[in-house]
Amino acid sequence: MLDTSVLIGTIPTAVIDGIDEYGASFIVRAELLRGRERFARTAGHEHAARVRTQLVEALDAIPGFWTPFDDAAADAYATLAARPETAVRSKDALIAAQAVARGVPLLTADRGFTRFIGLDVEFI
């Protein structure tokens, strides 16, 4: 699974080349759209807002790319977020929970994901 940090800025060539093999949480989609809204409201960042829109539209076109948050992810989230040191960043815990529930690694640039016990993290 891809974390938001992989999809903002310059996306690694390996990810672009193999995008059909990846997926991401609907939480990541929400974070991307939140960033788009913030760019759209900031003078001089209109281009960044358009680029973010194009990215989300391109990923929307990939069948099954966005992973729904289901009961298995909810169970994993309950375990991950119950630890005091992880509860502060609940969006990260939601994303981590989906990767844990599916038994797949999370590809990220955010070293903060190492705090989630049981999450297989791969760094770009």
PDB file of N, CA and C in Angstrom:
ATOM      1  N   MET A   1       0.844  -1.183   0.000  1.00  0.00           N
ATOM      2  CA  MET A   1       0.000   0.000   0.000  1.00  0.00           C
ATOM      3  C   MET A   1       0.886   1.242   0.000  1.00  0.00           C
ATOM      4  N   LEU A   2       0.373   2.281  -0.604  1.00  0.00           N
ATOM      5  CA  LEU A   2       1.112   3.533  -0.660  1.00  0.00           C
ATOM      6  C   LEU A   2       0.587   4.515   0.383  1.00  0.00           C
ATOM      7  N   ASP A   3       1.500   5.164   1.052  1.00  0.00           N
ATOM      8  CA  ASP A   3       1.166   6.237   1.978  1.00  0.00           C
ATOM      9  C   ASP A   3       1.089   7.546   1.200  1.00  0.00           C
ATOM     10  N   THR A   4       0.445   8.519   1.768  1.00  0.00           N
ATOM     11  CA  THR A   4       0.320   9.841   1.158  1.00  0.00           C
ATOM     12  C   THR A   4       1.691  10.420   0.798  1.00  0.00           C
ATOM     13  N   SER A   5       2.677  10.200   1.650  1.00  0.00           N
ATOM     14  CA  SER A   5       4.005  10.778   1.434  1.00  0.00           C
ATOM     15  C   SER A   5       4.646  10.312   0.135  1.00  0.00           C
ATOM     16  N   VAL A   6       4.231   9.171  -0.388  1.00  0.00           N
ATOM     17  CA  VAL A   6       4.776   8.655  -1.643  1.00  0.00           C
ATOM     18  C   VAL A   6       4.118   9.344  -2.838  1.00  0.00           C
ATOM     19  N   LEU A   7       2.906   9.822  -2.654  1.00  0.00           N
ATOM     20  CA  LEU A   7       2.134  10.375  -3.764  1.00  0.00           C
ATOM     21  C   LEU A   7       2.197  11.896  -3.871  1.00  0.00           C
ATOM     22  N   ILE A   8       2.866  12.551  -2.928  1.00  0.00           N
ATOM     23  CA  ILE A   8       3.027  13.999  -3.027  1.00  0.00           C
ATOM     24  C   ILE A   8       4.466  14.280  -3.438  1.00  0.00           C
ATOM     25  N   GLY A   9       4.681  15.355  -4.100  1.00  0.00           N
ATOM     26  CA  GLY A   9       6.029  15.649  -4.585  1.00  0.00           C
ATOM     27  C   GLY A   9       6.338  14.781  -5.791  1.00  0.00           C
ATOM     28  N   THR A  10       7.582  14.395  -5.910  1.00  0.00           N
ATOM     29  CA  THR A  10       8.010  13.556  -7.023  1.00  0.00           C
ATOM     30  C   THR A  10       7.746  12.097  -6.688  1.00  0.00           C
ATOM     31  N   ILE A  11       6.886  11.471  -7.453  1.00  0.00           N
ATOM     32  CA  ILE A  11       6.557  10.062  -7.221  1.00  0.00           C
ATOM     33  C   ILE A  11       7.695   9.218  -7.783  1.00  0.00           C
ATOM     34  N   PRO A  12       8.215   8.270  -6.989  1.00  0.00           N
ATOM     35  CA  PRO A  12       9.322   7.435  -7.470  1.00  0.00           C
ATOM     36  C   PRO A  12       8.966   6.699  -8.772  1.00  0.00           C
ATOM     37  N   THR A  13       9.928   6.620  -9.668  1.00  0.00           N
ATOM     38  CA  THR A  13       9.725   5.967 -10.960  1.00  0.00           C
ATOM     39  C   THR A  13       9.228   4.535 -10.792  1.00  0.00           C
ATOM     40  N   ALA A  14       9.773   3.809  -9.828  1.00  0.00           N
ATOM     41  CA  ALA A  14       9.346   2.418  -9.612  1.00  0.00           C
ATOM     42  C   ALA A  14       7.868   2.331  -9.271  1.00  0.00           C
ATOM     43  N   VAL A  15       7.371   3.310  -8.535  1.00  0.00           N
ATOM     44  CA  VAL A  15       5.943   3.339  -8.192  1.00  0.00           C
ATOM     45  C   VAL A  15       5.125   3.650  -9.439  1.00  0.00           C
ATOM     46  N   ILE A  16       5.546   4.621 -10.213  1.00  0.00           N
ATOM     47  CA  ILE A  16       4.826   4.976 -11.443  1.00  0.00           C
ATOM     48  C   ILE A  16       4.788   3.780 -12.389  1.00  0.00           C
ATOM     49  N   ASP A  17       5.939   3.144 -12.584  1.00  0.00           N
ATOM     50  CA  ASP A  17       6.015   2.012 -13.508  1.00  0.00           C
ATOM     51  C   ASP A  17       5.148   0.833 -13.071  1.00  0.00           C
ATOM     52  N   GLY A  18       4.981   0.648 -11.769  1.00  0.00           N
ATOM     53  CA  GLY A  18       4.213  -0.486 -11.269  1.00  0.00           C
ATOM     54  C   GLY A  18       2.920  -0.087 -10.579  1.00  0.00           C
ATOM     55  N   ILE A  19       2.352   1.067 -10.944  1.00  0.00           N
ATOM     56  CA  ILE A  19       1.212   1.614 -10.217  1.00  0.00           C
ATOM     57  C   ILE A  19       0.038   0.638 -10.139  1.00  0.00           C
ATOM     58  N   ASP A  20      -0.140  -0.201 -11.146  1.00  0.00           N
ATOM     59  CA  ASP A  20      -1.238  -1.179 -11.129  1.00  0.00           C
ATOM     60  C   ASP A  20      -1.056  -2.237 -10.051  1.00  0.00           C
ATOM     61  N   GLU A  21       0.151  -2.369  -9.530  1.00  0.00           N
ATOM     62  CA  GLU A  21       0.429  -3.354  -8.484  1.00  0.00           C
ATOM     63  C   GLU A  21       0.221  -2.779  -7.085  1.00  0.00           C
ATOM     64  N   TYR A  22      -0.014  -1.491  -6.998  1.00  0.00           N
ATOM     65  CA  TYR A  22      -0.171  -0.827  -5.717  1.00  0.00           C
ATOM     66  C   TYR A  22      -1.627  -0.454  -5.477  1.00  0.00           C
ATOM     67  N   GLY A  23      -1.859  -0.016  -4.283  1.00  0.00           N
ATOM     68  CA  GLY A  23      -3.137   0.541  -3.900  1.00  0.00           C
ATOM     69  C   GLY A  23      -2.881   1.494  -2.754  1.00  0.00           C
ATOM     70  N   ALA A  24      -3.925   2.184  -2.355  1.00  0.00           N
ATOM     71  CA  ALA A  24      -3.807   3.106  -1.228  1.00  0.00           C
ATOM     72  C   ALA A  24      -5.167   3.191  -0.538  1.00  0.00           C
ATOM     73  N   SER A  25      -5.118   3.605   0.685  1.00  0.00           N
ATOM     74  CA  SER A  25      -6.317   3.767   1.498  1.00  0.00           C
ATOM     75  C   SER A  25      -7.159   4.943   1.011  1.00  0.00           C
ATOM     76  N   PHE A  26      -8.466   4.825   1.187  1.00  0.00           N
ATOM     77  CA  PHE A  26      -9.324   5.982   0.941  1.00  0.00           C
ATOM     78  C   PHE A  26      -8.948   7.128   1.877  1.00  0.00           C
ATOM     79  N   ILE A  27      -8.288   6.828   3.004  1.00  0.00           N
ATOM     80  CA  ILE A  27      -7.794   7.875   3.903  1.00  0.00           C
ATOM     81  C   ILE A  27      -6.723   8.697   3.181  1.00  0.00           C
ATOM     82  N   VAL A  28      -5.870   8.029   2.413  1.00  0.00           N
ATOM     83  CA  VAL A  28      -4.848   8.717   1.613  1.00  0.00           C
ATOM     84  C   VAL A  28      -5.529   9.622   0.582  1.00  0.00           C
ATOM     85  N   ARG A  29      -6.585   9.107  -0.059  1.00  0.00           N
ATOM     86  CA  ARG A  29      -7.321   9.924  -1.027  1.00  0.00           C
ATOM     87  C   ARG A  29      -7.845  11.193  -0.345  1.00  0.00           C
ATOM     88  N   ALA A  30      -8.398  11.031   0.849  1.00  0.00           N
ATOM     89  CA  ALA A  30      -8.914  12.179   1.593  1.00  0.00           C
ATOM     90  C   ALA A  30      -7.799  13.181   1.910  1.00  0.00           C
ATOM     91  N   GLU A  31      -6.620  12.673   2.282  1.00  0.00           N
ATOM     92  CA  GLU A  31      -5.496  13.578   2.572  1.00  0.00           C
ATOM     93  C   GLU A  31      -5.064  14.337   1.316  1.00  0.00           C
ATOM     94  N   LEU A  32      -5.036  13.648   0.183  1.00  0.00           N
ATOM     95  CA  LEU A  32      -4.680  14.316  -1.066  1.00  0.00           C
ATOM     96  C   LEU A  32      -5.686  15.415  -1.409  1.00  0.00           C
ATOM     97  N   LEU A  33      -6.964  15.115  -1.222  1.00  0.00           N
ATOM     98  CA  LEU A  33      -8.001  16.108  -1.514  1.00  0.00           C
ATOM     99  C   LEU A  33      -7.961  17.281  -0.532  1.00  0.00           C
ATOM    100  N   ARG A  34      -7.628  16.988   0.714  1.00  0.00           N
ATOM    101  CA  ARG A  34      -7.474  18.072   1.699  1.00  0.00           C
ATOM    102  C   ARG A  34      -6.351  19.008   1.268  1.00  0.00           C
ATOM    103  N   GLY A  35      -5.244  18.421   0.809  1.00  0.00           N
ATOM    104  CA  GLY A  35      -4.138  19.235   0.312  1.00  0.00           C
ATOM    105  C   GLY A  35      -4.548  20.068  -0.884  1.00  0.00           C
ATOM    106  N   ARG A  36      -5.337  19.478  -1.768  1.00  0.00           N
ATOM    107  CA  ARG A  36      -5.825  20.227  -2.927  1.00  0.00           C
ATOM    108  C   ARG A  36      -6.647  21.442  -2.486  1.00  0.00           C
ATOM    109  N   GLU A  37      -7.517  21.231  -1.519  1.00  0.00           N
ATOM    110  CA  GLU A  37      -8.358  22.322  -1.029  1.00  0.00           C
ATOM    111  C   GLU A  37      -7.512  23.430  -0.396  1.00  0.00           C
ATOM    112  N   ARG A  38      -6.492  23.041   0.327  1.00  0.00           N
ATOM    113  CA  ARG A  38      -5.617  24.049   0.951  1.00  0.00           C
ATOM    114  C   ARG A  38      -4.854  24.830  -0.118  1.00  0.00           C
ATOM    115  N   PHE A  39      -4.355  24.121  -1.149  1.00  0.00           N
ATOM    116  CA  PHE A  39      -3.668  24.803  -2.250  1.00  0.00           C
ATOM    117  C   PHE A  39      -4.626  25.759  -2.953  1.00  0.00           C
ATOM    118  N   ALA A  40      -5.844  25.307  -3.205  1.00  0.00           N
ATOM    119  CA  ALA A  40      -6.822  26.122  -3.931  1.00  0.00           C
ATOM    120  C   ALA A  40      -7.149  27.416  -3.186  1.00  0.00           C
ATOM    121  N   ARG A  41      -7.027  27.399  -1.879  1.00  0.00           N
ATOM    122  CA  ARG A  41      -7.359  28.578  -1.066  1.00  0.00           C
ATOM    123  C   ARG A  41      -6.161  29.480  -0.798  1.00  0.00           C
ATOM    124  N   THR A  42      -4.996  29.090  -1.301  1.00  0.00           N
ATOM    125  CA  THR A  42      -3.784  29.856  -1.040  1.00  0.00           C
ATOM    126  C   THR A  42      -3.317  30.535  -2.326  1.00  0.00           C
ATOM    127  N   ALA A  43      -3.230  31.841  -2.297  1.00  0.00           N
ATOM    128  CA  ALA A  43      -2.795  32.595  -3.474  1.00  0.00           C
ATOM    129  C   ALA A  43      -1.449  32.082  -3.972  1.00  0.00           C
ATOM    130  N   GLY A  44      -1.360  31.887  -5.271  1.00  0.00           N
ATOM    131  CA  GLY A  44      -0.112  31.430  -5.872  1.00  0.00           C
ATOM    132  C   GLY A  44       0.041  29.918  -5.914  1.00  0.00           C
ATOM    133  N   HIS A  45      -0.908  29.179  -5.373  1.00  0.00           N
ATOM    134  CA  HIS A  45      -0.808  27.717  -5.353  1.00  0.00           C
ATOM    135  C   HIS A  45      -1.883  27.042  -6.209  1.00  0.00           C
ATOM    136  N   GLU A  46      -2.497  27.799  -7.103  1.00  0.00           N
ATOM    137  CA  GLU A  46      -3.559  27.258  -7.943  1.00  0.00           C
ATOM    138  C   GLU A  46      -3.062  26.110  -8.819  1.00  0.00           C
ATOM    139  N   HIS A  47      -1.834  26.236  -9.328  1.00  0.00           N
ATOM    140  CA  HIS A  47      -1.261  25.169 -10.162  1.00  0.00           C
ATOM    141  C   HIS A  47      -1.126  23.878  -9.349  1.00  0.00           C
ATOM    142  N   ALA A  48      -0.655  23.994  -8.125  1.00  0.00           N
ATOM    143  CA  ALA A  48      -0.507  22.813  -7.270  1.00  0.00           C
ATOM    144  C   ALA A  48      -1.865  22.161  -7.027  1.00  0.00           C
ATOM    145  N   ALA A  49      -2.906  22.965  -6.891  1.00  0.00           N
ATOM    146  CA  ALA A  49      -4.256  22.425  -6.702  1.00  0.00           C
ATOM    147  C   ALA A  49      -4.692  21.645  -7.939  1.00  0.00           C
ATOM    148  N   ARG A  50      -4.411  22.172  -9.129  1.00  0.00           N
ATOM    149  CA  ARG A  50      -4.772  21.470 -10.371  1.00  0.00           C
ATOM    150  C   ARG A  50      -3.996  20.165 -10.516  1.00  0.00           C
ATOM    151  N   VAL A  51      -2.716  20.192 -10.170  1.00  0.00           N
ATOM    152  CA  VAL A  51      -1.894  18.980 -10.245  1.00  0.00           C
ATOM    153  C   VAL A  51      -2.433  17.918  -9.298  1.00  0.00           C
ATOM    154  N   ARG A  52      -2.811  18.321  -8.100  1.00  0.00           N
ATOM    155  CA  ARG A  52      -3.360  17.376  -7.125  1.00  0.00           C
ATOM    156  C   ARG A  52      -4.676  16.783  -7.640  1.00  0.00           C
ATOM    157  N   THR A  53      -5.500  17.607  -8.265  1.00  0.00           N
ATOM    158  CA  THR A  53      -6.754  17.128  -8.852  1.00  0.00           C
ATOM    159  C   THR A  53      -6.470  16.093  -9.930  1.00  0.00           C
ATOM    160  N   GLN A  54      -5.502  16.371 -10.789  1.00  0.00           N
ATOM    161  CA  GLN A  54      -5.145  15.440 -11.861  1.00  0.00           C
ATOM    162  C   GLN A  54      -4.619  14.116 -11.297  1.00  0.00           C
ATOM    163  N   LEU A  55      -3.841  14.195 -10.230  1.00  0.00           N
ATOM    164  CA  LEU A  55      -3.320  12.982  -9.609  1.00  0.00           C
ATOM    165  C   LEU A  55      -4.457  12.114  -9.087  1.00  0.00           C
ATOM    166  N   VAL A  56      -5.369  12.712  -8.338  1.00  0.00           N
ATOM    167  CA  VAL A  56      -6.486  11.947  -7.778  1.00  0.00           C
ATOM    168  C   VAL A  56      -7.346  11.364  -8.898  1.00  0.00           C
ATOM    169  N   GLU A  57      -7.617  12.139  -9.932  1.00  0.00           N
ATOM    170  CA  GLU A  57      -8.408  11.633 -11.056  1.00  0.00           C
ATOM    171  C   GLU A  57      -7.721  10.457 -11.743  1.00  0.00           C
ATOM    172  N   ALA A  58      -6.397  10.531 -11.908  1.00  0.00           N
ATOM    173  CA  ALA A  58      -5.655   9.430 -12.529  1.00  0.00           C
ATOM    174  C   ALA A  58      -5.718   8.175 -11.665  1.00  0.00           C
ATOM    175  N   LEU A  59      -5.574   8.337 -10.362  1.00  0.00           N
ATOM    176  CA  LEU A  59      -5.635   7.176  -9.463  1.00  0.00           C
ATOM    177  C   LEU A  59      -7.055   6.634  -9.366  1.00  0.00           C
ATOM    178  N   ASP A  60      -8.053   7.510  -9.438  1.00  0.00           N
ATOM    179  CA  ASP A  60      -9.451   7.072  -9.447  1.00  0.00           C
ATOM    180  C   ASP A  60      -9.734   6.166 -10.647  1.00  0.00           C
ATOM    181  N   ALA A  61      -9.028   6.388 -11.746  1.00  0.00           N
ATOM    182  CA  ALA A  61      -9.259   5.624 -12.972  1.00  0.00           C
ATOM    183  C   ALA A  61      -8.670   4.215 -12.920  1.00  0.00           C
ATOM    184  N   ILE A  62      -7.852   3.924 -11.914  1.00  0.00           N
ATOM    185  CA  ILE A  62      -7.257   2.589 -11.770  1.00  0.00           C
ATOM    186  C   ILE A  62      -8.226   1.730 -10.964  1.00  0.00           C
ATOM    187  N   PRO A  63      -8.795   0.708 -11.587  1.00  0.00           N
ATOM    188  CA  PRO A  63      -9.772  -0.129 -10.871  1.00  0.00           C
ATOM    189  C   PRO A  63      -9.187  -0.719  -9.587  1.00  0.00           C
ATOM    190  N   GLY A  64      -9.905  -0.518  -8.494  1.00  0.00           N
ATOM    191  CA  GLY A  64      -9.512  -1.102  -7.213  1.00  0.00           C
ATOM    192  C   GLY A  64      -8.327  -0.448  -6.533  1.00  0.00           C
ATOM    193  N   PHE A  65      -7.875   0.701  -7.034  1.00  0.00           N
ATOM    194  CA  PHE A  65      -6.698   1.330  -6.424  1.00  0.00           C
ATOM    195  C   PHE A  65      -6.972   1.756  -4.988  1.00  0.00           C
ATOM    196  N   TRP A  66      -8.125   2.375  -4.755  1.00  0.00           N
ATOM    197  CA  TRP A  66      -8.454   2.861  -3.412  1.00  0.00           C
ATOM    198  C   TRP A  66      -9.044   1.725  -2.576  1.00  0.00           C
ATOM    199  N   THR A  67      -8.462   1.524  -1.411  1.00  0.00           N
ATOM    200  CA  THR A  67      -8.874   0.450  -0.522  1.00  0.00           C
ATOM    201  C   THR A  67      -9.883   0.962   0.503  1.00  0.00           C
ATOM    202  N   PRO A  68     -11.067   0.356   0.536  1.00  0.00           N
ATOM    203  CA  PRO A  68     -12.066   0.768   1.530  1.00  0.00           C
ATOM    204  C   PRO A  68     -11.626   0.404   2.952  1.00  0.00           C
ATOM    205  N   PHE A  69     -12.096   1.173   3.896  1.00  0.00           N
ATOM    206  CA  PHE A  69     -11.835   0.888   5.304  1.00  0.00           C
ATOM    207  C   PHE A  69     -12.928  -0.068   5.761  1.00  0.00           C
ATOM    208  N   ASP A  70     -12.537  -1.314   6.064  1.00  0.00           N
ATOM    209  CA  ASP A  70     -13.517  -2.342   6.391  1.00  0.00           C
ATOM    210  C   ASP A  70     -13.384  -2.809   7.840  1.00  0.00           C
ATOM    211  N   ASP A  71     -14.087  -3.891   8.185  1.00  0.00           N
ATOM    212  CA  ASP A  71     -14.077  -4.373   9.569  1.00  0.00           C
ATOM    213  C   ASP A  71     -12.703  -4.852  10.012  1.00  0.00           C
ATOM    214  N   ALA A  72     -11.951  -5.494   9.116  1.00  0.00           N
ATOM    215  CA  ALA A  72     -10.605  -5.947   9.486  1.00  0.00           C
ATOM    216  C   ALA A  72      -9.697  -4.750   9.775  1.00  0.00           C
ATOM    217  N   ALA A  73      -9.824  -3.701   8.973  1.00  0.00           N
ATOM    218  CA  ALA A  73      -9.038  -2.490   9.207  1.00  0.00           C
ATOM    219  C   ALA A  73      -9.463  -1.817  10.503  1.00  0.00           C
ATOM    220  N   ALA A  74     -10.758  -1.829  10.793  1.00  0.00           N
ATOM    221  CA  ALA A  74     -11.250  -1.241  12.043  1.00  0.00           C
ATOM    222  C   ALA A  74     -10.687  -1.985  13.247  1.00  0.00           C
ATOM    223  N   ASP A  75     -10.633  -3.307  13.165  1.00  0.00           N
ATOM    224  CA  ASP A  75     -10.065  -4.100  14.250  1.00  0.00           C
ATOM    225  C   ASP A  75      -8.580  -3.778  14.444  1.00  0.00           C
ATOM    226  N   ALA A  76      -7.841  -3.703  13.328  1.00  0.00           N
ATOM    227  CA  ALA A  76      -6.407  -3.389  13.407  1.00  0.00           C
ATOM    228  C   ALA A  76      -6.200  -1.978  13.944  1.00  0.00           C
ATOM    229  N   TYR A  77      -7.039  -1.042  13.534  1.00  0.00           N
ATOM    230  CA  TYR A  77      -6.945   0.332  14.029  1.00  0.00           C
ATOM    231  C   TYR A  77      -7.139   0.386  15.544  1.00  0.00           C
ATOM    232  N   ALA A  78      -8.106  -0.359  16.042  1.00  0.00           N
ATOM    233  CA  ALA A  78      -8.368  -0.357  17.484  1.00  0.00           C
ATOM    234  C   ALA A  78      -7.121  -0.763  18.254  1.00  0.00           C
ATOM    235  N   THR A  79      -6.415  -1.760  17.757  1.00  0.00           N
ATOM    236  CA  THR A  79      -5.192  -2.228  18.415  1.00  0.00           C
ATOM    237  C   THR A  79      -4.069  -1.194  18.296  1.00  0.00           C
ATOM    238  N   LEU A  80      -3.852  -0.681  17.089  1.00  0.00           N
ATOM    239  CA  LEU A  80      -2.762   0.281  16.870  1.00  0.00           C
ATOM    240  C   LEU A  80      -2.987   1.596  17.606  1.00  0.00           C
ATOM    241  N   ALA A  81      -4.193   2.115  17.562  1.00  0.00           N
ATOM    242  CA  ALA A  81      -4.470   3.424  18.129  1.00  0.00           C
ATOM    243  C   ALA A  81      -4.626   3.403  19.640  1.00  0.00           C
ATOM    244  N   ALA A  82      -4.768   2.221  20.217  1.00  0.00           N
ATOM    245  CA  ALA A  82      -4.927   2.123  21.670  1.00  0.00           C
ATOM    246  C   ALA A  82      -3.617   2.367  22.401  1.00  0.00           C
ATOM    247  N   ARG A  83      -2.531   2.267  21.688  1.00  0.00           N
ATOM    248  CA  ARG A  83      -1.229   2.529  22.300  1.00  0.00           C
ATOM    249  C   ARG A  83      -1.043   4.040  22.406  1.00  0.00           C
ATOM    250  N   PRO A  84      -0.757   4.551  23.590  1.00  0.00           N
ATOM    251  CA  PRO A  84      -0.677   6.009  23.786  1.00  0.00           C
ATOM    252  C   PRO A  84       0.258   6.729  22.818  1.00  0.00           C
ATOM    253  N   GLU A  85       1.369   6.107  22.464  1.00  0.00           N
ATOM    254  CA  GLU A  85       2.329   6.798  21.605  1.00  0.00           C
ATOM    255  C   GLU A  85       1.849   6.896  20.155  1.00  0.00           C
ATOM    256  N   THR A  86       0.836   6.136  19.772  1.00  0.00           N
ATOM    257  CA  THR A  86       0.350   6.193  18.392  1.00  0.00           C
ATOM    258  C   THR A  86      -0.952   6.955  18.248  1.00  0.00           C
ATOM    259  N   ALA A  87      -1.646   7.183  19.318  1.00  0.00           N
ATOM    260  CA  ALA A  87      -2.979   7.785  19.240  1.00  0.00           C
ATOM    261  C   ALA A  87      -2.949   9.216  18.720  1.00  0.00           C
ATOM    262  N   VAL A  88      -1.819   9.886  18.811  1.00  0.00           N
ATOM    263  CA  VAL A  88      -1.729  11.288  18.422  1.00  0.00           C
ATOM    264  C   VAL A  88      -1.974  11.479  16.926  1.00  0.00           C
ATOM    265  N   ARG A  89      -1.512  10.575  16.104  1.00  0.00           N
ATOM    266  CA  ARG A  89      -1.633  10.712  14.648  1.00  0.00           C
ATOM    267  C   ARG A  89      -2.628   9.692  14.124  1.00  0.00           C
ATOM    268  N   SER A  90      -3.897   9.957  14.359  1.00  0.00           N
ATOM    269  CA  SER A  90      -4.919   8.965  14.050  1.00  0.00           C
ATOM    270  C   SER A  90      -5.036   8.657  12.560  1.00  0.00           C
ATOM    271  N   LYS A  91      -4.798   9.642  11.661  1.00  0.00           N
ATOM    272  CA  LYS A  91      -4.861   9.333  10.233  1.00  0.00           C
ATOM    273  C   LYS A  91      -3.773   8.323   9.863  1.00  0.00           C
ATOM    274  N   ASP A  92      -2.606   8.479  10.423  1.00  0.00           N
ATOM    275  CA  ASP A  92      -1.546   7.507  10.171  1.00  0.00           C
ATOM    276  C   ASP A  92      -1.940   6.131  10.705  1.00  0.00           C
ATOM    277  N   ALA A  93      -2.560   6.095  11.870  1.00  0.00           N
ATOM    278  CA  ALA A  93      -2.996   4.816  12.440  1.00  0.00           C
ATOM    279  C   ALA A  93      -4.046   4.164  11.554  1.00  0.00           C
ATOM    280  N   LEU A  94      -4.934   4.949  10.959  1.00  0.00           N
ATOM    281  CA  LEU A  94      -5.943   4.399  10.050  1.00  0.00           C
ATOM    282  C   LEU A  94      -5.290   3.784   8.813  1.00  0.00           C
ATOM    283  N   ILE A  95      -4.317   4.492   8.247  1.00  0.00           N
ATOM    284  CA  ILE A  95      -3.604   3.986   7.068  1.00  0.00           C
ATOM    285  C   ILE A  95      -2.810   2.741   7.430  1.00  0.00           C
ATOM    286  N   ALA A  96      -2.099   2.783   8.544  1.00  0.00           N
ATOM    287  CA  ALA A  96      -1.328   1.620   8.998  1.00  0.00           C
ATOM    288  C   ALA A  96      -2.239   0.420   9.232  1.00  0.00           C
ATOM    289  N   ALA A  97      -3.407   0.668   9.803  1.00  0.00           N
ATOM    290  CA  ALA A  97      -4.342  -0.417  10.095  1.00  0.00           C
ATOM    291  C   ALA A  97      -4.774  -1.140   8.824  1.00  0.00           C
ATOM    292  N   GLN A  98      -4.983  -0.403   7.756  1.00  0.00           N
ATOM    293  CA  GLN A  98      -5.387  -1.059   6.516  1.00  0.00           C
ATOM    294  C   GLN A  98      -4.277  -1.949   5.969  1.00  0.00           C
ATOM    295  N   ALA A  99      -3.041  -1.494   6.053  1.00  0.00           N
ATOM    296  CA  ALA A  99      -1.927  -2.326   5.591  1.00  0.00           C
ATOM    297  C   ALA A  99      -1.787  -3.572   6.470  1.00  0.00           C
ATOM    298  N   VAL A 100      -1.908  -3.411   7.777  1.00  0.00           N
ATOM    299  CA  VAL A 100      -1.821  -4.548   8.698  1.00  0.00           C
ATOM    300  C   VAL A 100      -2.944  -5.536   8.414  1.00  0.00           C
ATOM    301  N   ALA A 101      -4.161  -5.039   8.272  1.00  0.00           N
ATOM    302  CA  ALA A 101      -5.318  -5.907   8.043  1.00  0.00           C
ATOM    303  C   ALA A 101      -5.181  -6.704   6.752  1.00  0.00           C
ATOM    304  N   ARG A 102      -4.536  -6.136   5.752  1.00  0.00           N
ATOM    305  CA  ARG A 102      -4.378  -6.821   4.473  1.00  0.00           C
ATOM    306  C   ARG A 102      -3.085  -7.624   4.381  1.00  0.00           C
ATOM    307  N   GLY A 103      -2.240  -7.464   5.396  1.00  0.00           N
ATOM    308  CA  GLY A 103      -0.992  -8.215   5.398  1.00  0.00           C
ATOM    309  C   GLY A 103      -0.028  -7.778   4.315  1.00  0.00           C
ATOM    310  N   VAL A 104      -0.053  -6.462   3.988  1.00  0.00           N
ATOM    311  CA  VAL A 104       0.844  -5.943   2.962  1.00  0.00           C
ATOM    312  C   VAL A 104       1.731  -4.858   3.565  1.00  0.00           C
ATOM    313  N   PRO A 105       2.902  -4.642   2.982  1.00  0.00           N
ATOM    314  CA  PRO A 105       3.760  -3.560   3.488  1.00  0.00           C
ATOM    315  C   PRO A 105       3.202  -2.199   3.110  1.00  0.00           C
ATOM    316  N   LEU A 106       3.576  -1.196   3.893  1.00  0.00           N
ATOM    317  CA  LEU A 106       3.228   0.194   3.603  1.00  0.00           C
ATOM    318  C   LEU A 106       4.473   0.873   3.066  1.00  0.00           C
ATOM    319  N   LEU A 107       4.386   1.387   1.854  1.00  0.00           N
ATOM    320  CA  LEU A 107       5.491   2.118   1.245  1.00  0.00           C
ATOM    321  C   LEU A 107       5.324   3.587   1.608  1.00  0.00           C
ATOM    322  N   THR A 108       6.329   4.173   2.269  1.00  0.00           N
ATOM    323  CA  THR A 108       6.213   5.533   2.791  1.00  0.00           C
ATOM    324  C   THR A 108       7.570   6.226   2.834  1.00  0.00           C
ATOM    325  N   ALA A 109       7.509   7.537   2.977  1.00  0.00           N
ATOM    326  CA  ALA A 109       8.711   8.333   3.234  1.00  0.00           C
ATOM    327  C   ALA A 109       8.684   8.848   4.666  1.00  0.00           C
ATOM    328  N   ASP A 110       7.653   8.492   5.399  1.00  0.00           N
ATOM    329  CA  ASP A 110       7.424   8.986   6.760  1.00  0.00           C
ATOM    330  C   ASP A 110       7.945   7.976   7.784  1.00  0.00           C
ATOM    331  N   ARG A 111       9.048   8.296   8.411  1.00  0.00           N
ATOM    332  CA  ARG A 111       9.659   7.387   9.400  1.00  0.00           C
ATOM    333  C   ARG A 111       8.789   7.215  10.644  1.00  0.00           C
ATOM    334  N   GLY A 112       7.812   8.069  10.831  1.00  0.00           N
ATOM    335  CA  GLY A 112       6.915   7.962  11.968  1.00  0.00           C
ATOM    336  C   GLY A 112       6.110   6.679  11.986  1.00  0.00           C
ATOM    337  N   PHE A 113       5.976   6.019  10.852  1.00  0.00           N
ATOM    338  CA  PHE A 113       5.209   4.778  10.798  1.00  0.00           C
ATOM    339  C   PHE A 113       5.903   3.624  11.527  1.00  0.00           C
ATOM    340  N   THR A 114       7.169   3.795  11.879  1.00  0.00           N
ATOM    341  CA  THR A 114       7.867   2.730  12.612  1.00  0.00           C
ATOM    342  C   THR A 114       7.293   2.530  14.006  1.00  0.00           C
ATOM    343  N   ARG A 115       6.510   3.475  14.502  1.00  0.00           N
ATOM    344  CA  ARG A 115       5.932   3.343  15.845  1.00  0.00           C
ATOM    345  C   ARG A 115       4.790   2.345  15.895  1.00  0.00           C
ATOM    346  N   PHE A 116       4.301   1.899  14.745  1.00  0.00           N
ATOM    347  CA  PHE A 116       3.187   0.960  14.724  1.00  0.00           C
ATOM    348  C   PHE A 116       3.696  -0.471  14.735  1.00  0.00           C
ATOM    349  N   ILE A 117       3.551  -1.121  15.866  1.00  0.00           N
ATOM    350  CA  ILE A 117       4.003  -2.499  16.043  1.00  0.00           C
ATOM    351  C   ILE A 117       3.164  -3.413  15.174  1.00  0.00           C
ATOM    352  N   GLY A 118       3.840  -4.245  14.393  1.00  0.00           N
ATOM    353  CA  GLY A 118       3.160  -5.182  13.528  1.00  0.00           C
ATOM    354  C   GLY A 118       2.983  -4.687  12.094  1.00  0.00           C
ATOM    355  N   LEU A 119       3.365  -3.442  11.830  1.00  0.00           N
ATOM    356  CA  LEU A 119       3.266  -2.883  10.471  1.00  0.00           C
ATOM    357  C   LEU A 119       4.576  -3.136   9.741  1.00  0.00           C
ATOM    358  N   ASP A 120       4.475  -3.715   8.551  1.00  0.00           N
ATOM    359  CA  ASP A 120       5.631  -3.918   7.683  1.00  0.00           C
ATOM    360  C   ASP A 120       5.814  -2.627   6.891  1.00  0.00           C
ATOM    361  N   VAL A 121       6.897  -1.892   7.170  1.00  0.00           N
ATOM    362  CA  VAL A 121       7.142  -0.597   6.550  1.00  0.00           C
ATOM    363  C   VAL A 121       8.305  -0.711   5.573  1.00  0.00           C
ATOM    364  N   GLU A 122       8.109  -0.157   4.368  1.00  0.00           N
ATOM    365  CA  GLU A 122       9.182  -0.045   3.386  1.00  0.00           C
ATOM    366  C   GLU A 122       9.347   1.430   3.077  1.00  0.00           C
ATOM    367  N   PHE A 123      10.576   1.925   3.165  1.00  0.00           N
ATOM    368  CA  PHE A 123      10.839   3.347   2.945  1.00  0.00           C
ATOM    369  C   PHE A 123      11.339   3.605   1.540  1.00  0.00           C
ATOM    370  N   ILE A 124      10.886   4.727   0.970  1.00  0.00           N
ATOM    371  CA  ILE A 124      11.383   5.129  -0.341  1.00  0.00           C
ATOM    372  C   ILE A 124      12.564   6.052  -0.154  1.00  0.00           C
TER     373      ILE A 124
END
